[in-house]
Amino acid sequence: MATLRKRNTRWQVQVRRTGKKSISRSFLQKSDALTWAREREIEADRNELTVDTRALKGLCVEDIVKRYLSEITPSKKTASAETYVLRAFMKHPIARAELCEIDGAMFRNYRDDRLVTISCAGLKRELNSIRHMFNVAITEWGIPLAGKPFLAGFQELLRPFVIKALGDALAAAKLGNRVFTT
C-alpha cells in the first residue's frame, strides 16, 4: 500500500514492496499523487516494478543451479537427464554471471552456442528445465527475480518457430562455410 504525506507545500507518495526498490515521488496536487500511487501499486501487483538488485549481489546463476540440483532434481523421475542438462548449463559463461547482471542477450548467446552442438528439440527441452529452475527460485526460495526482463524473454526463446528458424540458419551457415572453405 502507498504512503501519502504532506511535506511543506507538496504531497509525497511512497510505494514499498518486499524485494523491490522503494519508489517515492512528490506532487503539487494531492489528486496527482493518489493517481500516481494507484498506477505504481497496479504495477507492483503485476510484478512490473524493478527488482531490488542489492538482494541479488553476490549471488550467481551457478548458485541457483547447484541448489536446484541438490534439492529439486533428485525427486524427479528424469533426474539423470536434468542433471546432465544443468551441468552443461553450468559450463557456459552465463553460469558465472551475477543474477543482477544477467539479461536476455546472455540467454540468446547461450541459445546460439547450444544450437551449434544440439538439435532444436534438445535445446527446447534444456530451456524448459532452466526456466523451471528460475521459477522455483522465485516461487519457493523467494529470490527476487520476478521483475527481471530476461524471464519474460524465455517465451521468445522457447517458441518452436524461432528455434527451428535459428537451427536452420545455423545449419545453412555451416554448410555455406564448408562450401566456401573447400
Protein backbone atom coordinates (compact mmCIF):
# COMPACT_ATOMS: atom_id res chain seq x y z
CA MET A 1 0.00 0.00 0.00
CA ALA A 2 1.16 3.52 -0.73
CA THR A 3 2.01 6.04 1.94
CA LEU A 4 0.86 9.61 1.34
CA ARG A 5 2.07 12.56 3.40
CA LYS A 6 2.25 16.30 3.10
CA ARG A 7 5.72 17.84 3.15
CA ASN A 8 5.72 21.61 3.16
CA THR A 9 3.67 22.55 0.07
CA ARG A 10 3.99 19.19 -1.70
CA TRP A 11 2.46 15.73 -1.40
CA GLN A 12 4.93 12.88 -1.17
CA VAL A 13 3.95 9.33 -2.12
CA GLN A 14 5.97 6.25 -1.24
CA VAL A 15 5.26 2.74 -2.57
CA ARG A 16 7.07 -0.19 -0.94
CA ARG A 17 7.02 -3.90 -1.70
CA THR A 18 9.14 -6.70 -0.29
CA GLY A 19 12.08 -7.49 -2.56
CA LYS A 20 11.54 -4.35 -4.64
CA LYS A 21 13.07 -0.91 -4.53
CA SER A 22 11.10 1.67 -2.63
CA ILE A 23 9.65 4.26 -5.02
CA SER A 24 8.77 7.78 -3.98
CA ARG A 25 7.75 10.95 -5.75
CA SER A 26 6.44 14.39 -4.80
CA PHE A 27 3.50 16.24 -6.35
CA LEU A 28 1.93 19.66 -6.01
CA GLN A 29 -1.63 18.31 -6.00
CA LYS A 30 -2.97 15.53 -3.86
CA SER A 31 -5.06 14.08 -6.72
CA ASP A 32 -1.93 13.66 -8.87
CA ALA A 33 -0.18 11.91 -6.02
CA LEU A 34 -3.06 9.49 -5.50
CA THR A 35 -3.28 8.71 -9.22
CA TRP A 36 0.45 8.00 -9.43
CA ALA A 37 0.30 5.83 -6.31
CA ARG A 38 -2.55 3.74 -7.78
CA GLU A 39 -0.60 3.21 -11.01
CA ARG A 40 2.54 2.09 -9.15
CA GLU A 41 0.52 -0.29 -6.96
CA ILE A 42 -1.03 -1.88 -10.04
CA GLU A 43 2.46 -2.32 -11.48
CA ALA A 44 3.60 -3.89 -8.21
CA ASP A 45 0.67 -6.31 -8.26
CA ARG A 46 1.61 -7.33 -11.81
CA ASN A 47 5.29 -7.70 -10.81
CA GLU A 48 6.28 -4.94 -13.22
CA LEU A 49 8.28 -2.91 -10.71
CA THR A 50 12.05 -3.04 -10.93
CA VAL A 51 13.82 -5.63 -8.81
CA ASP A 52 15.99 -4.51 -5.92
CA THR A 53 19.35 -5.61 -7.29
CA ARG A 54 21.04 -5.25 -3.91
CA ALA A 55 19.43 -8.54 -2.86
CA LEU A 56 20.94 -10.25 -5.93
CA LYS A 57 24.52 -9.01 -5.46
CA GLY A 58 26.99 -11.80 -4.86
CA LEU A 59 24.51 -14.47 -5.95
CA CYS A 60 25.47 -16.21 -9.20
CA VAL A 61 23.39 -18.27 -11.58
CA GLU A 62 25.62 -21.20 -10.68
CA ASP A 63 24.48 -20.95 -7.03
CA ILE A 64 20.86 -21.39 -8.09
CA VAL A 65 21.77 -24.31 -10.37
CA LYS A 66 23.66 -26.09 -7.56
CA ARG A 67 20.82 -25.60 -5.11
CA TYR A 68 18.27 -26.81 -7.68
CA LEU A 69 20.42 -29.87 -8.44
CA SER A 70 20.66 -30.80 -4.76
CA GLU A 71 17.09 -30.00 -3.63
CA ILE A 72 14.70 -30.38 -6.57
CA THR A 73 16.25 -32.59 -9.23
CA PRO A 74 16.76 -35.78 -7.13
CA SER A 75 13.00 -36.10 -6.57
CA LYS A 76 12.24 -36.03 -10.29
CA LYS A 77 11.69 -39.06 -12.48
CA THR A 78 14.09 -37.63 -15.08
CA ALA A 79 16.78 -36.67 -12.58
CA SER A 80 19.70 -38.07 -14.60
CA ALA A 81 18.70 -36.25 -17.80
CA GLU A 82 18.08 -32.97 -15.98
CA THR A 83 21.38 -33.27 -14.14
CA TYR A 84 23.15 -33.65 -17.47
CA VAL A 85 21.36 -30.59 -18.89
CA LEU A 86 22.07 -28.37 -15.88
CA ARG A 87 25.72 -29.42 -15.64
CA ALA A 88 26.13 -28.44 -19.31
CA PHE A 89 24.46 -25.12 -18.47
CA MET A 90 26.95 -24.59 -15.62
CA LYS A 91 29.87 -24.89 -18.06
CA HIS A 92 28.65 -21.87 -20.03
CA PRO A 93 29.92 -18.39 -19.01
CA ILE A 94 26.36 -17.32 -18.13
CA ALA A 95 26.53 -19.54 -15.04
CA ARG A 96 29.31 -17.42 -13.55
CA ALA A 97 27.40 -14.16 -14.01
CA GLU A 98 25.75 -12.50 -11.03
CA LEU A 99 21.96 -12.52 -11.05
CA CYS A 100 21.84 -8.72 -11.05
CA GLU A 101 23.86 -8.63 -14.30
CA ILE A 102 22.12 -11.21 -16.48
CA ASP A 103 19.82 -10.17 -19.27
CA GLY A 104 18.12 -11.51 -22.37
CA ALA A 105 21.22 -11.06 -24.52
CA MET A 106 23.16 -13.54 -22.37
CA PHE A 107 20.43 -16.14 -22.81
CA ARG A 108 20.32 -15.53 -26.55
CA ASN A 109 24.09 -16.15 -26.65
CA TYR A 110 23.62 -19.36 -24.67
CA ARG A 111 20.87 -20.46 -27.06
CA ASP A 112 23.02 -19.75 -30.11
CA ASP A 113 26.04 -21.54 -28.63
CA ARG A 114 23.99 -24.62 -27.77
CA LEU A 115 22.33 -24.74 -31.22
CA VAL A 116 25.75 -25.39 -32.71
CA THR A 117 26.04 -28.67 -30.76
CA ILE A 118 22.47 -29.91 -30.17
CA SER A 119 19.20 -30.05 -32.09
CA CYS A 120 16.35 -27.56 -31.82
CA ALA A 121 14.20 -30.05 -29.89
CA GLY A 122 17.03 -30.73 -27.46
CA LEU A 123 17.53 -27.02 -26.88
CA LYS A 124 13.84 -26.58 -26.22
CA ARG A 125 13.98 -29.28 -23.52
CA GLU A 126 17.05 -27.66 -21.98
CA LEU A 127 15.46 -24.23 -21.87
CA ASN A 128 12.33 -25.69 -20.25
CA SER A 129 14.45 -27.15 -17.45
CA ILE A 130 16.30 -23.86 -16.98
CA ARG A 131 13.05 -21.90 -16.96
CA HIS A 132 11.61 -24.23 -14.32
CA MET A 133 14.73 -23.77 -12.22
CA PHE A 134 14.25 -19.97 -12.23
CA ASN A 135 10.55 -20.32 -11.47
CA VAL A 136 11.38 -22.48 -8.42
CA ALA A 137 13.93 -19.89 -7.32
CA ILE A 138 11.26 -17.19 -7.45
CA THR A 139 8.29 -19.03 -6.00
CA GLU A 140 9.82 -21.41 -3.46
CA TRP A 141 13.12 -19.82 -2.46
CA GLY A 142 11.99 -16.19 -2.53
CA ILE A 143 14.79 -14.94 -4.77
CA PRO A 144 13.52 -11.61 -6.17
CA LEU A 145 13.84 -12.27 -9.90
CA ALA A 146 10.20 -11.71 -10.86
CA GLY A 147 10.82 -8.29 -12.40
CA LYS A 148 13.86 -9.36 -14.40
CA PRO A 149 13.29 -8.87 -18.13
CA PHE A 150 15.19 -12.00 -19.17
CA LEU A 151 12.46 -14.19 -17.66
CA ALA A 152 9.90 -12.69 -19.99
CA GLY A 153 12.31 -13.43 -22.84
CA PHE A 154 12.12 -17.17 -22.17
CA GLN A 155 8.81 -17.33 -24.01
CA GLU A 156 10.52 -15.85 -27.05
CA LEU A 157 13.43 -18.30 -26.71
CA LEU A 158 11.06 -21.25 -26.44
CA ARG A 159 8.87 -20.54 -29.42
CA PRO A 160 9.35 -23.51 -31.73
CA PHE A 161 9.38 -21.49 -34.92
CA VAL A 162 12.13 -19.23 -33.52
CA ILE A 163 14.25 -22.20 -32.51
CA LYS A 164 13.61 -24.01 -35.79
CA ALA A 165 14.47 -20.92 -37.83
CA LEU A 166 17.66 -20.37 -35.84
CA GLY A 167 18.65 -24.01 -36.25
CA ASP A 168 18.07 -23.82 -40.00
CA ALA A 169 20.05 -20.58 -40.25
CA LEU A 170 22.99 -22.03 -38.30
CA ALA A 171 22.92 -25.21 -40.40
CA ALA A 172 22.92 -23.12 -43.58
CA ALA A 173 25.80 -21.05 -42.26
CA LYS A 174 27.80 -24.21 -41.52
CA LEU A 175 27.04 -25.60 -44.95
CA GLY A 176 27.93 -22.28 -46.52
CA ASN A 177 31.25 -22.18 -44.67
CA ARG A 178 32.14 -25.65 -45.89
CA VAL A 179 31.32 -24.78 -49.46
CA PHE A 180 33.43 -21.62 -49.45
CA THR A 181 36.39 -23.01 -47.49
CA THR A 182 36.97 -26.14 -49.60
